[in-house]
């Protein structure tokens, strides 16, 4: 049974607009139906230029408390050629406890990159985020920079990126934040076996207008293949903002166990 746990500072309570909440349970059902239909594909079909990975998690408890937590995410990539790639990602997380909404997060983004030798590439990246319980109505982040494969073996890959960027954040109940940023990012992947791998992502964002304003985003994950199509993923996500919106905590943590369908 997929499980998820989210610890978010409740912050201030704002009116709940049901039209703004995406029922991620419907997204999860659609993704699972699409994954089931994929089994009908011919295994001998030629290699495709695109890949898609759909991730879903749902937990429902009844008894002394009634809690529902649902999350869904989809990651799509397309290789125009051996050097150029486009990546698209979107998802959402929602949680209710005894009928009251306790978490509401959405995100969507894109990244395009082009290699200019065996290890180095240039990229541009954009991401939109909404997190109502962190008092973030809309956050827009954009960066353009350089990336490099720092260490590569048959079982290991360490990648690093550095980029200047721009952030525009519309906050609920407080002033808008808009400034230039500096971004550092690193990802390490280790294949334990042909069906099991570990990954660690670390991202650091520094405001160039206020040295006290910085953000850290990390994800630690273990992915295990169940079949050619399906995998399970256990992950822990930690986010820290040194100058968060008023009335919210500096840290967010999400631990989850999810089912992944690969197309």
C-alpha atoms as a PDB file:
ATOM      1  CA  UNK A   1       0.000   0.000   0.000  1.00  0.00           C
ATOM      2  CA  UNK A   2       1.562   3.320  -1.019  1.00  0.00           C
ATOM      3  CA  UNK A   3       2.124   5.630   1.935  1.00  0.00           C
ATOM      4  CA  UNK A   4       3.021   9.269   2.303  1.00  0.00           C
ATOM      5  CA  UNK A   5       3.705  11.565   5.218  1.00  0.00           C
ATOM      6  CA  UNK A   6       3.957  15.333   5.072  1.00  0.00           C
ATOM      7  CA  UNK A   7       4.970  17.672   7.908  1.00  0.00           C
ATOM      8  CA  UNK A   8       4.143  21.237   6.980  1.00  0.00           C
ATOM      9  CA  UNK A   9       3.825  24.250   9.206  1.00  0.00           C
ATOM     10  CA  UNK A  10       0.105  25.112   9.142  1.00  0.00           C
ATOM     11  CA  UNK A  11       0.801  28.862   9.081  1.00  0.00           C
ATOM     12  CA  UNK A  12      -2.221  31.065   8.845  1.00  0.00           C
ATOM     13  CA  UNK A  13      -5.611  29.678   7.835  1.00  0.00           C
ATOM     14  CA  UNK A  14      -6.976  31.074   4.563  1.00  0.00           C
ATOM     15  CA  UNK A  15     -10.355  30.480   2.892  1.00  0.00           C
ATOM     16  CA  UNK A  16     -10.399  27.188   1.031  1.00  0.00           C
ATOM     17  CA  UNK A  17     -11.425  27.464  -2.622  1.00  0.00           C
ATOM     18  CA  UNK A  18     -12.376  23.959  -3.782  1.00  0.00           C
ATOM     19  CA  UNK A  19     -12.014  24.972  -7.424  1.00  0.00           C
ATOM     20  CA  UNK A  20      -8.290  25.544  -6.855  1.00  0.00           C
ATOM     21  CA  UNK A  21      -7.652  21.986  -5.595  1.00  0.00           C
ATOM     22  CA  UNK A  22      -6.827  19.298  -8.162  1.00  0.00           C
ATOM     23  CA  UNK A  23      -8.131  15.898  -7.063  1.00  0.00           C
ATOM     24  CA  UNK A  24      -4.888  13.984  -7.472  1.00  0.00           C
ATOM     25  CA  UNK A  25      -6.695  10.712  -6.906  1.00  0.00           C
ATOM     26  CA  UNK A  26      -8.168  11.105 -10.403  1.00  0.00           C
ATOM     27  CA  UNK A  27      -4.695  11.829 -11.762  1.00  0.00           C
ATOM     28  CA  UNK A  28      -3.360   8.707 -10.067  1.00  0.00           C
ATOM     29  CA  UNK A  29      -6.137   6.534 -11.511  1.00  0.00           C
ATOM     30  CA  UNK A  30      -5.535   7.887 -15.010  1.00  0.00           C
ATOM     31  CA  UNK A  31      -1.805   7.240 -14.751  1.00  0.00           C
ATOM     32  CA  UNK A  32      -2.337   3.671 -13.582  1.00  0.00           C
ATOM     33  CA  UNK A  33      -4.781   2.971 -16.413  1.00  0.00           C
ATOM     34  CA  UNK A  34      -2.294   4.341 -18.910  1.00  0.00           C
ATOM     35  CA  UNK A  35       0.448   2.190 -17.417  1.00  0.00           C
ATOM     36  CA  UNK A  36      -1.703  -0.945 -17.655  1.00  0.00           C
ATOM     37  CA  UNK A  37      -2.414  -0.329 -21.333  1.00  0.00           C
ATOM     38  CA  UNK A  38       1.318   0.006 -21.998  1.00  0.00           C
ATOM     39  CA  UNK A  39       1.762  -3.741 -21.481  1.00  0.00           C
ATOM     40  CA  UNK A  40       0.165  -4.277 -24.891  1.00  0.00           C
ATOM     41  CA  UNK A  41       3.138  -2.620 -26.638  1.00  0.00           C
ATOM     42  CA  UNK A  42       5.490  -4.769 -28.708  1.00  0.00           C
ATOM     43  CA  UNK A  43       8.700  -5.395 -26.742  1.00  0.00           C
ATOM     44  CA  UNK A  44      10.645  -5.518 -30.011  1.00  0.00           C
ATOM     45  CA  UNK A  45       9.610  -1.984 -31.033  1.00  0.00           C
ATOM     46  CA  UNK A  46      12.479   0.333 -32.007  1.00  0.00           C
ATOM     47  CA  UNK A  47      13.948   2.647 -29.388  1.00  0.00           C
ATOM     48  CA  UNK A  48      11.913   5.806 -28.881  1.00  0.00           C
ATOM     49  CA  UNK A  49      13.196   9.330 -28.469  1.00  0.00           C
ATOM     50  CA  UNK A  50      10.902   9.984 -25.524  1.00  0.00           C
ATOM     51  CA  UNK A  51      10.465   8.583 -22.039  1.00  0.00           C
ATOM     52  CA  UNK A  52       7.741   9.120 -19.465  1.00  0.00           C
ATOM     53  CA  UNK A  53       7.652   8.278 -15.758  1.00  0.00           C
ATOM     54  CA  UNK A  54       4.450   8.598 -13.709  1.00  0.00           C
ATOM     55  CA  UNK A  55       4.641   8.482  -9.899  1.00  0.00           C
ATOM     56  CA  UNK A  56       1.632   8.113  -7.572  1.00  0.00           C
ATOM     57  CA  UNK A  57       1.139   7.779  -3.819  1.00  0.00           C
ATOM     58  CA  UNK A  58      -2.066   7.550  -1.779  1.00  0.00           C
ATOM     59  CA  UNK A  59      -2.871   6.770   1.850  1.00  0.00           C
ATOM     60  CA  UNK A  60      -6.281   6.766   3.531  1.00  0.00           C
ATOM     61  CA  UNK A  61      -6.837   6.205   7.278  1.00  0.00           C
ATOM     62  CA  UNK A  62     -10.135   5.780   9.141  1.00  0.00           C
ATOM     63  CA  UNK A  63     -10.886   5.318  12.815  1.00  0.00           C
ATOM     64  CA  UNK A  64      -9.798   7.738  15.518  1.00  0.00           C
ATOM     65  CA  UNK A  65      -8.783  10.074  12.697  1.00  0.00           C
ATOM     66  CA  UNK A  66      -9.706  10.331   9.028  1.00  0.00           C
ATOM     67  CA  UNK A  67      -6.755  11.359   6.895  1.00  0.00           C
ATOM     68  CA  UNK A  68      -6.148  11.310   3.146  1.00  0.00           C
ATOM     69  CA  UNK A  69      -2.844  12.155   1.491  1.00  0.00           C
ATOM     70  CA  UNK A  70      -2.412  11.932  -2.268  1.00  0.00           C
ATOM     71  CA  UNK A  71       0.437  12.892  -4.546  1.00  0.00           C
ATOM     72  CA  UNK A  72       1.072  12.480  -8.260  1.00  0.00           C
ATOM     73  CA  UNK A  73       3.992  13.473 -10.461  1.00  0.00           C
ATOM     74  CA  UNK A  74       4.857  12.989 -14.111  1.00  0.00           C
ATOM     75  CA  UNK A  75       8.292  13.433 -15.736  1.00  0.00           C
ATOM     76  CA  UNK A  76       8.643  13.450 -19.542  1.00  0.00           C
ATOM     77  CA  UNK A  77      11.839  13.712 -21.579  1.00  0.00           C
ATOM     78  CA  UNK A  78      12.475  13.933 -25.324  1.00  0.00           C
ATOM     79  CA  UNK A  79      15.852  13.553 -27.068  1.00  0.00           C
ATOM     80  CA  UNK A  80      15.871  15.596 -30.262  1.00  0.00           C
ATOM     81  CA  UNK A  81      19.268  14.083 -31.043  1.00  0.00           C
ATOM     82  CA  UNK A  82      22.269  12.680 -29.175  1.00  0.00           C
ATOM     83  CA  UNK A  83      23.148  16.151 -27.838  1.00  0.00           C
ATOM     84  CA  UNK A  84      19.825  17.928 -27.184  1.00  0.00           C
ATOM     85  CA  UNK A  85      17.180  17.027 -24.603  1.00  0.00           C
ATOM     86  CA  UNK A  86      13.934  18.553 -23.311  1.00  0.00           C
ATOM     87  CA  UNK A  87      12.530  17.622 -19.885  1.00  0.00           C
ATOM     88  CA  UNK A  88       9.020  18.445 -18.611  1.00  0.00           C
ATOM     89  CA  UNK A  89       7.718  17.793 -15.109  1.00  0.00           C
ATOM     90  CA  UNK A  90       4.552  18.513 -13.158  1.00  0.00           C
ATOM     91  CA  UNK A  91       2.771  17.279 -10.068  1.00  0.00           C
ATOM     92  CA  UNK A  92       0.707  17.975  -7.003  1.00  0.00           C
ATOM     93  CA  UNK A  93       0.232  16.936  -3.390  1.00  0.00           C
ATOM     94  CA  UNK A  94      -2.856  17.302  -1.251  1.00  0.00           C
ATOM     95  CA  UNK A  95      -3.745  16.243   2.278  1.00  0.00           C
ATOM     96  CA  UNK A  96      -6.947  16.302   4.341  1.00  0.00           C
ATOM     97  CA  UNK A  97      -7.438  15.503   8.019  1.00  0.00           C
ATOM     98  CA  UNK A  98     -10.990  15.056   9.351  1.00  0.00           C
ATOM     99  CA  UNK A  99     -12.305  16.922   6.323  1.00  0.00           C
ATOM    100  CA  UNK A 100      -9.963  19.934   6.651  1.00  0.00           C
ATOM    101  CA  UNK A 101      -7.281  20.599   4.059  1.00  0.00           C
ATOM    102  CA  UNK A 102      -3.828  20.474   5.683  1.00  0.00           C
ATOM    103  CA  UNK A 103      -1.525  20.563   2.620  1.00  0.00           C
ATOM    104  CA  UNK A 104      -1.806  21.819  -0.941  1.00  0.00           C
ATOM    105  CA  UNK A 105       1.184  21.953  -3.270  1.00  0.00           C
ATOM    106  CA  UNK A 106       1.567  22.086  -7.066  1.00  0.00           C
ATOM    107  CA  UNK A 107       4.558  22.474  -9.350  1.00  0.00           C
ATOM    108  CA  UNK A 108       5.374  22.444 -13.073  1.00  0.00           C
ATOM    109  CA  UNK A 109       8.576  23.104 -14.970  1.00  0.00           C
ATOM    110  CA  UNK A 110      10.772  22.512 -17.970  1.00  0.00           C
ATOM    111  CA  UNK A 111      14.484  22.137 -18.661  1.00  0.00           C
ATOM    112  CA  UNK A 112      16.318  22.045 -21.972  1.00  0.00           C
ATOM    113  CA  UNK A 113      19.996  21.202 -22.347  1.00  0.00           C
ATOM    114  CA  UNK A 114      22.559  20.686 -25.071  1.00  0.00           C
ATOM    115  CA  UNK A 115      25.911  18.946 -24.775  1.00  0.00           C
ATOM    116  CA  UNK A 116      28.950  20.477 -26.427  1.00  0.00           C
ATOM    117  CA  UNK A 117      31.351  17.640 -25.536  1.00  0.00           C
ATOM    118  CA  UNK A 118      31.246  14.243 -23.790  1.00  0.00           C
ATOM    119  CA  UNK A 119      30.896  15.718 -20.277  1.00  0.00           C
ATOM    120  CA  UNK A 120      29.767  19.362 -20.513  1.00  0.00           C
ATOM    121  CA  UNK A 121      26.448  20.977 -21.437  1.00  0.00           C
ATOM    122  CA  UNK A 122      24.540  24.249 -21.354  1.00  0.00           C
ATOM    123  CA  UNK A 123      20.970  24.460 -20.047  1.00  0.00           C
ATOM    124  CA  UNK A 124      18.023  26.661 -19.238  1.00  0.00           C
ATOM    125  CA  UNK A 125      15.468  25.836 -16.552  1.00  0.00           C
ATOM    126  CA  UNK A 126      12.085  27.247 -15.472  1.00  0.00           C
ATOM    127  CA  UNK A 127       9.825  26.152 -12.591  1.00  0.00           C
ATOM    128  CA  UNK A 128       6.482  27.344 -11.241  1.00  0.00           C
ATOM    129  CA  UNK A 129       5.410  26.442  -7.688  1.00  0.00           C
ATOM    130  CA  UNK A 130       2.299  26.999  -5.575  1.00  0.00           C
ATOM    131  CA  UNK A 131       2.221  26.064  -1.875  1.00  0.00           C
ATOM    132  CA  UNK A 132      -0.780  27.553  -0.111  1.00  0.00           C
ATOM    133  CA  UNK A 133       0.179  26.402   3.400  1.00  0.00           C
ATOM    134  CA  UNK A 134       3.664  27.885   3.012  1.00  0.00           C
ATOM    135  CA  UNK A 135       1.957  31.191   2.019  1.00  0.00           C
ATOM    136  CA  UNK A 136       3.301  30.995  -1.548  1.00  0.00           C
ATOM    137  CA  UNK A 137       0.661  31.932  -4.116  1.00  0.00           C
ATOM    138  CA  UNK A 138       3.021  31.681  -7.103  1.00  0.00           C
ATOM    139  CA  UNK A 139       6.778  31.258  -7.393  1.00  0.00           C
ATOM    140  CA  UNK A 140       8.580  31.597 -10.730  1.00  0.00           C
ATOM    141  CA  UNK A 141      12.247  30.540 -10.990  1.00  0.00           C
ATOM    142  CA  UNK A 142      14.386  30.826 -14.123  1.00  0.00           C
ATOM    143  CA  UNK A 143      18.081  30.078 -14.679  1.00  0.00           C
ATOM    144  CA  UNK A 144      20.577  29.612 -17.524  1.00  0.00           C
ATOM    145  CA  UNK A 145      23.940  27.997 -16.895  1.00  0.00           C
ATOM    146  CA  UNK A 146      26.517  25.254 -17.332  1.00  0.00           C
ATOM    147  CA  UNK A 147      26.517  21.605 -16.270  1.00  0.00           C
ATOM    148  CA  UNK A 148      29.135  18.884 -16.168  1.00  0.00           C
ATOM    149  CA  UNK A 149      29.349  15.148 -15.527  1.00  0.00           C
ATOM    150  CA  UNK A 150      31.921  15.281 -12.729  1.00  0.00           C
ATOM    151  CA  UNK A 151      32.337  11.547 -12.178  1.00  0.00           C
ATOM    152  CA  UNK A 152      31.069   8.676 -14.315  1.00  0.00           C
ATOM    153  CA  UNK A 153      31.584   4.920 -13.950  1.00  0.00           C
ATOM    154  CA  UNK A 154      29.433   1.940 -15.040  1.00  0.00           C
ATOM    155  CA  UNK A 155      27.516   2.242 -11.734  1.00  0.00           C
ATOM    156  CA  UNK A 156      27.977   5.881 -10.675  1.00  0.00           C
ATOM    157  CA  UNK A 157      27.124   9.291 -12.077  1.00  0.00           C
ATOM    158  CA  UNK A 158      27.799  12.612 -10.326  1.00  0.00           C
ATOM    159  CA  UNK A 159      26.545  15.756 -12.083  1.00  0.00           C
ATOM    160  CA  UNK A 160      27.025  19.403 -11.122  1.00  0.00           C
ATOM    161  CA  UNK A 161      25.400  22.626 -12.374  1.00  0.00           C
ATOM    162  CA  UNK A 162      26.002  26.346 -11.765  1.00  0.00           C
ATOM    163  CA  UNK A 163      23.821  29.164 -13.044  1.00  0.00           C
ATOM    164  CA  UNK A 164      22.688  32.750 -12.505  1.00  0.00           C
ATOM    165  CA  UNK A 165      18.941  33.144 -12.393  1.00  0.00           C
ATOM    166  CA  UNK A 166      15.880  35.168 -11.441  1.00  0.00           C
ATOM    167  CA  UNK A 167      13.167  34.557  -8.843  1.00  0.00           C
ATOM    168  CA  UNK A 168       9.725  36.152  -8.568  1.00  0.00           C
ATOM    169  CA  UNK A 169       7.605  35.019  -5.615  1.00  0.00           C
ATOM    170  CA  UNK A 170       4.072  36.230  -4.911  1.00  0.00           C
ATOM    171  CA  UNK A 171       3.358  35.644  -1.226  1.00  0.00           C
ATOM    172  CA  UNK A 172       0.013  35.395   0.556  1.00  0.00           C
ATOM    173  CA  UNK A 173      -0.422  38.225   3.033  1.00  0.00           C
ATOM    174  CA  UNK A 174       3.020  39.807   2.546  1.00  0.00           C
ATOM    175  CA  UNK A 175       5.146  41.599  -0.019  1.00  0.00           C
ATOM    176  CA  UNK A 176       6.316  40.081  -3.292  1.00  0.00           C
ATOM    177  CA  UNK A 177       9.955  38.944  -3.522  1.00  0.00           C
ATOM    178  CA  UNK A 178      11.756  39.595  -6.803  1.00  0.00           C
ATOM    179  CA  UNK A 179      15.520  39.369  -7.264  1.00  0.00           C
ATOM    180  CA  UNK A 180      18.449  37.866  -9.135  1.00  0.00           C
ATOM    181  CA  UNK A 181      19.796  34.564  -7.792  1.00  0.00           C
ATOM    182  CA  UNK A 182      22.761  32.231  -7.967  1.00  0.00           C
ATOM    183  CA  UNK A 183      22.066  28.486  -8.258  1.00  0.00           C
ATOM    184  CA  UNK A 184      24.242  25.445  -7.506  1.00  0.00           C
ATOM    185  CA  UNK A 185      22.932  21.926  -8.089  1.00  0.00           C
ATOM    186  CA  UNK A 186      24.337  18.414  -7.798  1.00  0.00           C
ATOM    187  CA  UNK A 187      22.893  14.936  -8.384  1.00  0.00           C
ATOM    188  CA  UNK A 188      24.503  11.596  -7.554  1.00  0.00           C
ATOM    189  CA  UNK A 189      23.136   8.245  -8.761  1.00  0.00           C
ATOM    190  CA  UNK A 190      24.490   4.817  -7.809  1.00  0.00           C
ATOM    191  CA  UNK A 191      23.216   1.540  -9.287  1.00  0.00           C
ATOM    192  CA  UNK A 192      23.379  -1.161  -6.614  1.00  0.00           C
ATOM    193  CA  UNK A 193      22.038  -3.756  -9.036  1.00  0.00           C
ATOM    194  CA  UNK A 194      20.287  -3.797 -12.395  1.00  0.00           C
ATOM    195  CA  UNK A 195      16.963  -3.259 -10.560  1.00  0.00           C
ATOM    196  CA  UNK A 196      17.914  -1.060  -7.582  1.00  0.00           C
ATOM    197  CA  UNK A 197      19.449   2.417  -7.449  1.00  0.00           C
ATOM    198  CA  UNK A 198      20.141   5.223  -4.978  1.00  0.00           C
ATOM    199  CA  UNK A 199      19.958   8.929  -5.822  1.00  0.00           C
ATOM    200  CA  UNK A 200      20.747  12.157  -3.972  1.00  0.00           C
ATOM    201  CA  UNK A 201      19.791  15.632  -5.219  1.00  0.00           C
ATOM    202  CA  UNK A 202      20.990  18.877  -3.599  1.00  0.00           C
ATOM    203  CA  UNK A 203      20.048  22.367  -4.819  1.00  0.00           C
ATOM    204  CA  UNK A 204      21.196  25.683  -3.306  1.00  0.00           C
ATOM    205  CA  UNK A 205      19.668  29.050  -4.264  1.00  0.00           C
ATOM    206  CA  UNK A 206      21.162  32.321  -3.019  1.00  0.00           C
ATOM    207  CA  UNK A 207      19.524  35.716  -3.381  1.00  0.00           C
ATOM    208  CA  UNK A 208      21.927  38.253  -4.863  1.00  0.00           C
ATOM    209  CA  UNK A 209      19.909  41.083  -3.282  1.00  0.00           C
ATOM    210  CA  UNK A 210      19.916  39.798   0.320  1.00  0.00           C
ATOM    211  CA  UNK A 211      22.729  37.564   1.573  1.00  0.00           C
ATOM    212  CA  UNK A 212      20.469  36.346   4.408  1.00  0.00           C
ATOM    213  CA  UNK A 213      17.937  34.926   1.911  1.00  0.00           C
ATOM    214  CA  UNK A 214      18.819  31.427   0.675  1.00  0.00           C
ATOM    215  CA  UNK A 215      17.067  28.125  -0.071  1.00  0.00           C
ATOM    216  CA  UNK A 216      18.155  24.487   0.072  1.00  0.00           C
ATOM    217  CA  UNK A 217      16.214  21.652  -1.591  1.00  0.00           C
ATOM    218  CA  UNK A 218      17.304  18.027  -1.178  1.00  0.00           C
ATOM    219  CA  UNK A 219      15.856  14.631  -2.131  1.00  0.00           C
ATOM    220  CA  UNK A 220      17.196  11.241  -1.026  1.00  0.00           C
ATOM    221  CA  UNK A 221      15.633   8.279  -2.836  1.00  0.00           C
ATOM    222  CA  UNK A 222      15.896   4.520  -3.293  1.00  0.00           C
ATOM    223  CA  UNK A 223      14.201   3.066  -6.390  1.00  0.00           C
ATOM    224  CA  UNK A 224      13.586  -0.651  -6.943  1.00  0.00           C
ATOM    225  CA  UNK A 225      12.216  -2.161 -10.152  1.00  0.00           C
ATOM    226  CA  UNK A 226       9.311  -4.585  -9.846  1.00  0.00           C
ATOM    227  CA  UNK A 227       9.129  -5.295 -13.583  1.00  0.00           C
ATOM    228  CA  UNK A 228      10.076  -3.701 -16.880  1.00  0.00           C
ATOM    229  CA  UNK A 229       7.260  -1.182 -16.355  1.00  0.00           C
ATOM    230  CA  UNK A 230       6.786  -0.691 -12.630  1.00  0.00           C
ATOM    231  CA  UNK A 231       9.075   0.419  -9.790  1.00  0.00           C
ATOM    232  CA  UNK A 232       8.729   1.483  -6.177  1.00  0.00           C
ATOM    233  CA  UNK A 233      10.385   4.594  -4.790  1.00  0.00           C
ATOM    234  CA  UNK A 234      11.124   5.466  -1.170  1.00  0.00           C
ATOM    235  CA  UNK A 235      12.154   9.094  -0.786  1.00  0.00           C
ATOM    236  CA  UNK A 236      12.740  11.877   1.714  1.00  0.00           C
ATOM    237  CA  UNK A 237      12.460  15.509   0.620  1.00  0.00           C
ATOM    238  CA  UNK A 238      13.790  18.364   2.763  1.00  0.00           C
ATOM    239  CA  UNK A 239      13.350  22.054   1.909  1.00  0.00           C
ATOM    240  CA  UNK A 240      14.738  24.981   3.902  1.00  0.00           C
ATOM    241  CA  UNK A 241      14.187  28.708   3.398  1.00  0.00           C
ATOM    242  CA  UNK A 242      16.151  31.095   5.629  1.00  0.00           C
ATOM    243  CA  UNK A 243      13.638  33.914   5.080  1.00  0.00           C
ATOM    244  CA  UNK A 244      10.239  32.260   4.535  1.00  0.00           C
ATOM    245  CA  UNK A 245       6.903  34.104   4.275  1.00  0.00           C
ATOM    246  CA  UNK A 246       5.571  35.475   7.563  1.00  0.00           C
ATOM    247  CA  UNK A 247       3.876  32.922   9.784  1.00  0.00           C
ATOM    248  CA  UNK A 248       5.531  29.858   8.231  1.00  0.00           C
ATOM    249  CA  UNK A 249       8.359  27.551   9.277  1.00  0.00           C
ATOM    250  CA  UNK A 250      11.797  27.506   7.690  1.00  0.00           C
ATOM    251  CA  UNK A 251      11.718  23.738   7.059  1.00  0.00           C
ATOM    252  CA  UNK A 252       9.406  21.424   5.103  1.00  0.00           C
ATOM    253  CA  UNK A 253       9.807  17.632   5.094  1.00  0.00           C
ATOM    254  CA  UNK A 254       8.026  15.003   3.017  1.00  0.00           C
ATOM    255  CA  UNK A 255       8.661  11.263   3.284  1.00  0.00           C
ATOM    256  CA  UNK A 256       6.880   9.000   0.820  1.00  0.00           C
ATOM    257  CA  UNK A 257       6.611   5.513  -0.644  1.00  0.00           C
ATOM    258  CA  UNK A 258       5.353   5.605  -4.226  1.00  0.00           C
ATOM    259  CA  UNK A 259       4.559   3.443  -7.240  1.00  0.00           C
ATOM    260  CA  UNK A 260       6.215   4.465 -10.523  1.00  0.00           C
ATOM    261  CA  UNK A 261       5.059   3.470 -14.021  1.00  0.00           C
ATOM    262  CA  UNK A 262       7.661   3.827 -16.793  1.00  0.00           C
ATOM    263  CA  UNK A 263       6.651   4.218 -20.434  1.00  0.00           C
END
